C-alpha atoms as a PDB file:
ATOM      1  CA  UNK A   1     134.426  71.321  88.513  1.00  0.00           C
ATOM      2  CA  UNK A   2     131.278  73.241  89.318  1.00  0.00           C
ATOM      3  CA  UNK A   3     128.674  71.475  91.332  1.00  0.00           C
ATOM      4  CA  UNK A   4     125.045  71.581  90.368  1.00  0.00           C
ATOM      5  CA  UNK A   5     124.306  73.715  93.429  1.00  0.00           C
ATOM      6  CA  UNK A   6     126.821  76.444  92.552  1.00  0.00           C
ATOM      7  CA  UNK A   7     125.576  76.473  88.962  1.00  0.00           C
ATOM      8  CA  UNK A   8     121.988  76.960  90.159  1.00  0.00           C
ATOM      9  CA  UNK A   9     123.034  79.715  92.569  1.00  0.00           C
ATOM     10  CA  UNK A  10     125.015  81.427  89.803  1.00  0.00           C
ATOM     11  CA  UNK A  11     122.014  81.303  87.464  1.00  0.00           C
ATOM     12  CA  UNK A  12     119.714  82.671  90.186  1.00  0.00           C
ATOM     13  CA  UNK A  13     122.146  85.519  90.910  1.00  0.00           C
ATOM     14  CA  UNK A  14     122.396  86.327  87.208  1.00  0.00           C
ATOM     15  CA  UNK A  15     118.614  86.499  86.820  1.00  0.00           C
ATOM     16  CA  UNK A  16     118.152  88.455  90.028  1.00  0.00           C
ATOM     17  CA  UNK A  17     120.844  90.996  89.177  1.00  0.00           C
ATOM     18  CA  UNK A  18     119.603  91.407  85.617  1.00  0.00           C
ATOM     19  CA  UNK A  19     116.055  92.196  86.666  1.00  0.00           C
ATOM     20  CA  UNK A  20     117.148  94.377  89.600  1.00  0.00           C
ATOM     21  CA  UNK A  21     119.527  96.453  87.473  1.00  0.00           C
ATOM     22  CA  UNK A  22     116.917  96.818  84.751  1.00  0.00           C
ATOM     23  CA  UNK A  23     113.865  97.564  86.892  1.00  0.00           C
ATOM     24  CA  UNK A  24     114.908  98.254  90.488  1.00  0.00           C
ATOM     25  CA  UNK A  25     118.069 100.341  90.296  1.00  0.00           C
ATOM     26  CA  UNK A  26     117.420 104.065  89.950  1.00  0.00           C
ATOM     27  CA  UNK A  27     121.064 105.161  89.679  1.00  0.00           C
ATOM     28  CA  UNK A  28     121.474 107.182  86.447  1.00  0.00           C
ATOM     29  CA  UNK A  29     125.137 106.154  86.221  1.00  0.00           C
ATOM     30  CA  UNK A  30     124.208 102.506  85.665  1.00  0.00           C
ATOM     31  CA  UNK A  31     123.132 102.255  82.032  1.00  0.00           C
ATOM     32  CA  UNK A  32     123.808  99.928  79.089  1.00  0.00           C
ATOM     33  CA  UNK A  33     124.955  97.071  81.348  1.00  0.00           C
ATOM     34  CA  UNK A  34     124.818  93.448  80.262  1.00  0.00           C
ATOM     35  CA  UNK A  35     125.563  90.679  82.737  1.00  0.00           C
ATOM     36  CA  UNK A  36     127.491  88.038  80.825  1.00  0.00           C
ATOM     37  CA  UNK A  37     128.096  85.406  83.484  1.00  0.00           C
ATOM     38  CA  UNK A  38     128.418  84.782  87.207  1.00  0.00           C
ATOM     39  CA  UNK A  39     131.055  82.570  88.850  1.00  0.00           C
ATOM     40  CA  UNK A  40     130.260  81.478  92.394  1.00  0.00           C
ATOM     41  CA  UNK A  41     132.899  80.082  94.737  1.00  0.00           C
ATOM     42  CA  UNK A  42     132.327  76.520  95.996  1.00  0.00           C
ATOM     43  CA  UNK A  43     131.441  77.782  99.494  1.00  0.00           C
ATOM     44  CA  UNK A  44     128.979  80.323  97.996  1.00  0.00           C
ATOM     45  CA  UNK A  45     130.626  83.192  99.877  1.00  0.00           C
ATOM     46  CA  UNK A  46     131.745  85.200  96.838  1.00  0.00           C
ATOM     47  CA  UNK A  47     130.403  85.720  93.353  1.00  0.00           C
ATOM     48  CA  UNK A  48     132.283  87.249  90.441  1.00  0.00           C
ATOM     49  CA  UNK A  49     129.850  89.021  88.134  1.00  0.00           C
ATOM     50  CA  UNK A  50     131.235  89.522  84.621  1.00  0.00           C
ATOM     51  CA  UNK A  51     129.608  92.477  82.899  1.00  0.00           C
ATOM     52  CA  UNK A  52     129.831  94.320  79.624  1.00  0.00           C
ATOM     53  CA  UNK A  53     129.169  98.053  79.432  1.00  0.00           C
ATOM     54  CA  UNK A  54     128.529  99.755  76.123  1.00  0.00           C
ATOM     55  CA  UNK A  55     130.082 103.186  75.802  1.00  0.00           C
ATOM     56  CA  UNK A  56     133.424 104.911  76.037  1.00  0.00           C
ATOM     57  CA  UNK A  57     135.961 104.535  78.852  1.00  0.00           C
ATOM     58  CA  UNK A  58     134.460 107.387  80.875  1.00  0.00           C
ATOM     59  CA  UNK A  59     130.946 105.892  80.727  1.00  0.00           C
ATOM     60  CA  UNK A  60     132.311 102.479  81.702  1.00  0.00           C
ATOM     61  CA  UNK A  61     134.193 103.882  84.703  1.00  0.00           C
ATOM     62  CA  UNK A  62     131.120 105.834  85.801  1.00  0.00           C
ATOM     63  CA  UNK A  63     128.903 102.761  85.476  1.00  0.00           C
ATOM     64  CA  UNK A  64     131.357 100.576  87.413  1.00  0.00           C
ATOM     65  CA  UNK A  65     131.426 103.170  90.193  1.00  0.00           C
ATOM     66  CA  UNK A  66     127.613 103.175  90.252  1.00  0.00           C
ATOM     67  CA  UNK A  67     127.475  99.372  90.433  1.00  0.00           C
ATOM     68  CA  UNK A  68     130.008  99.264  93.253  1.00  0.00           C
ATOM     69  CA  UNK A  69     127.992 101.921  95.111  1.00  0.00           C
ATOM     70  CA  UNK A  70     124.812  99.854  94.716  1.00  0.00           C
ATOM     71  CA  UNK A  71     126.520  96.582  95.683  1.00  0.00           C
ATOM     72  CA  UNK A  72     124.768  96.341  99.071  1.00  0.00           C
ATOM     73  CA  UNK A  73     121.339  96.934  97.547  1.00  0.00           C
ATOM     74  CA  UNK A  74     122.010  94.348  94.830  1.00  0.00           C
ATOM     75  CA  UNK A  75     123.275  91.801  97.384  1.00  0.00           C
ATOM     76  CA  UNK A  76     120.112  92.288  99.448  1.00  0.00           C
ATOM     77  CA  UNK A  77     117.948  91.621  96.380  1.00  0.00           C
ATOM     78  CA  UNK A  78     120.001  88.488  95.641  1.00  0.00           C
ATOM     79  CA  UNK A  79     119.587  87.357  99.260  1.00  0.00           C
ATOM     80  CA  UNK A  80     115.809  87.630  98.898  1.00  0.00           C
ATOM     81  CA  UNK A  81     115.941  85.501  95.772  1.00  0.00           C
ATOM     82  CA  UNK A  82     118.382  82.693  96.548  1.00  0.00           C
ATOM     83  CA  UNK A  83     117.590  81.897 100.212  1.00  0.00           C
ATOM     84  CA  UNK A  84     120.990  80.525 101.257  1.00  0.00           C
ATOM     85  CA  UNK A  85     122.746  80.658 104.612  1.00  0.00           C
ATOM     86  CA  UNK A  86     125.309  83.135 103.295  1.00  0.00           C
ATOM     87  CA  UNK A  87     124.696  85.858 100.785  1.00  0.00           C
ATOM     88  CA  UNK A  88     127.549  85.931  98.274  1.00  0.00           C
ATOM     89  CA  UNK A  89     129.665  89.067  98.242  1.00  0.00           C
ATOM     90  CA  UNK A  90     129.396  90.453  94.721  1.00  0.00           C
ATOM     91  CA  UNK A  91     132.494  91.487  92.813  1.00  0.00           C
ATOM     92  CA  UNK A  92     131.852  93.218  89.487  1.00  0.00           C
ATOM     93  CA  UNK A  93     134.420  92.542  86.767  1.00  0.00           C
ATOM     94  CA  UNK A  94     134.381  94.383  83.460  1.00  0.00           C
ATOM     95  CA  UNK A  95     134.663  91.782  80.692  1.00  0.00           C
ATOM     96  CA  UNK A  96     136.574  93.139  77.720  1.00  0.00           C
ATOM     97  CA  UNK A  97     135.875  90.139  75.451  1.00  0.00           C
ATOM     98  CA  UNK A  98     133.026  91.862  73.585  1.00  0.00           C
ATOM     99  CA  UNK A  99     135.167  94.934  72.978  1.00  0.00           C
ATOM    100  CA  UNK A 100     138.093  92.774  71.823  1.00  0.00           C
ATOM    101  CA  UNK A 101     135.915  90.795  69.417  1.00  0.00           C
ATOM    102  CA  UNK A 102     134.576  94.006  67.863  1.00  0.00           C
ATOM    103  CA  UNK A 103     138.139  95.290  67.487  1.00  0.00           C
ATOM    104  CA  UNK A 104     139.285  92.000  65.908  1.00  0.00           C
ATOM    105  CA  UNK A 105     136.364  92.117  63.488  1.00  0.00           C
ATOM    106  CA  UNK A 106     137.258  95.687  62.517  1.00  0.00           C
ATOM    107  CA  UNK A 107     140.893  94.717  61.912  1.00  0.00           C
ATOM    108  CA  UNK A 108     139.862  91.714  59.799  1.00  0.00           C
ATOM    109  CA  UNK A 109     137.570  93.924  57.721  1.00  0.00           C
ATOM    110  CA  UNK A 110     140.502  96.251  57.024  1.00  0.00           C
ATOM    111  CA  UNK A 111     142.964  93.466  56.172  1.00  0.00           C
ATOM    112  CA  UNK A 112     140.789  91.091  54.174  1.00  0.00           C
ATOM    113  CA  UNK A 113     139.379  92.204  50.824  1.00  0.00           C
ATOM    114  CA  UNK A 114     135.664  92.789  50.596  1.00  0.00           C
ATOM    115  CA  UNK A 115     134.297  89.409  49.559  1.00  0.00           C
ATOM    116  CA  UNK A 116     130.858  90.777  48.668  1.00  0.00           C
ATOM    117  CA  UNK A 117     132.184  93.115  45.984  1.00  0.00           C
ATOM    118  CA  UNK A 118     134.745  90.822  44.373  1.00  0.00           C
ATOM    119  CA  UNK A 119     133.869  87.572  42.647  1.00  0.00           C
ATOM    120  CA  UNK A 120     135.943  85.158  40.649  1.00  0.00           C
ATOM    121  CA  UNK A 121     134.998  83.625  37.310  1.00  0.00           C
ATOM    122  CA  UNK A 122     134.364  80.284  39.027  1.00  0.00           C
ATOM    123  CA  UNK A 123     131.697  81.800  41.280  1.00  0.00           C
ATOM    124  CA  UNK A 124     129.669  83.355  38.452  1.00  0.00           C
ATOM    125  CA  UNK A 125     126.711  81.336  37.174  1.00  0.00           C
ATOM    126  CA  UNK A 126     125.370  82.213  33.708  1.00  0.00           C
ATOM    127  CA  UNK A 127     122.000  83.906  33.750  1.00  0.00           C
ATOM    128  CA  UNK A 128     118.958  82.706  31.815  1.00  0.00           C
ATOM    129  CA  UNK A 129     119.393  85.499  29.249  1.00  0.00           C
ATOM    130  CA  UNK A 130     122.937  84.364  28.438  1.00  0.00           C
ATOM    131  CA  UNK A 131     121.811  80.756  28.085  1.00  0.00           C
ATOM    132  CA  UNK A 132     119.000  81.765  25.724  1.00  0.00           C
ATOM    133  CA  UNK A 133     121.438  83.732  23.572  1.00  0.00           C
ATOM    134  CA  UNK A 134     123.799  80.761  23.386  1.00  0.00           C
ATOM    135  CA  UNK A 135     120.960  78.422  22.482  1.00  0.00           C
ATOM    136  CA  UNK A 136     121.772  76.070  25.376  1.00  0.00           C
ATOM    137  CA  UNK A 137     118.498  76.714  27.166  1.00  0.00           C
ATOM    138  CA  UNK A 138     115.908  74.250  25.930  1.00  0.00           C
ATOM    139  CA  UNK A 139     112.197  74.721  26.429  1.00  0.00           C
ATOM    140  CA  UNK A 140     110.379  72.026  28.379  1.00  0.00           C
ATOM    141  CA  UNK A 141     107.431  70.544  26.566  1.00  0.00           C
ATOM    142  CA  UNK A 142     104.171  70.419  28.509  1.00  0.00           C
ATOM    143  CA  UNK A 143     101.509  67.843  27.690  1.00  0.00           C
ATOM    144  CA  UNK A 144      98.324  69.922  27.973  1.00  0.00           C
ATOM    145  CA  UNK A 145      96.141  66.815  28.287  1.00  0.00           C
ATOM    146  CA  UNK A 146      97.831  65.806  31.570  1.00  0.00           C
ATOM    147  CA  UNK A 147      97.772  69.207  33.340  1.00  0.00           C
ATOM    148  CA  UNK A 148      96.335  68.848  36.860  1.00  0.00           C
ATOM    149  CA  UNK A 149      96.853  65.084  36.872  1.00  0.00           C
ATOM    150  CA  UNK A 150      98.587  63.461  39.823  1.00  0.00           C
ATOM    151  CA  UNK A 151     102.018  61.852  39.191  1.00  0.00           C
ATOM    152  CA  UNK A 152     102.028  58.062  38.869  1.00  0.00           C
ATOM    153  CA  UNK A 153     103.977  57.537  42.109  1.00  0.00           C
ATOM    154  CA  UNK A 154     101.406  59.542  44.085  1.00  0.00           C
ATOM    155  CA  UNK A 155      98.497  57.712  42.444  1.00  0.00           C
ATOM    156  CA  UNK A 156      99.936  54.337  43.471  1.00  0.00           C
ATOM    157  CA  UNK A 157     100.292  55.451  47.119  1.00  0.00           C
ATOM    158  CA  UNK A 158      96.759  56.841  47.309  1.00  0.00           C
ATOM    159  CA  UNK A 159      94.213  54.441  48.915  1.00  0.00           C
ATOM    160  CA  UNK A 160      91.168  53.523  46.797  1.00  0.00           C
END
């Protein structure tokens, strides 16, 4: 069970790393990185940073190498932010869950029929033109003398 302290430290590391990677890191190898979550050990000595990198395998490997090269700089920025006795050692882990969910979605799209293009007879509602042709569509009669008048229920609720 995570303590409140480790959860707060994890959130602070996530925010610090996100802003540092976005604004403070000048390494051209580190691009299209999303920090998904941070798991901090109970003694706050290590932190596993789960990331997602958009791109092909080569771009992901290059980005991971850039992040591991900038680990010391990123740890120093985290140390400035969290103010703990020990600065957690960062370990970057590539999270494949986003890639797997995209692949599963693609497979489901291939296997399942396109539901937008196919409809059954039960799903089809007759249009107004069809109802008028069948004679089932009746015209509502409007009392011209009462146009603009408030309904009786609203008149009763209105204070005098």
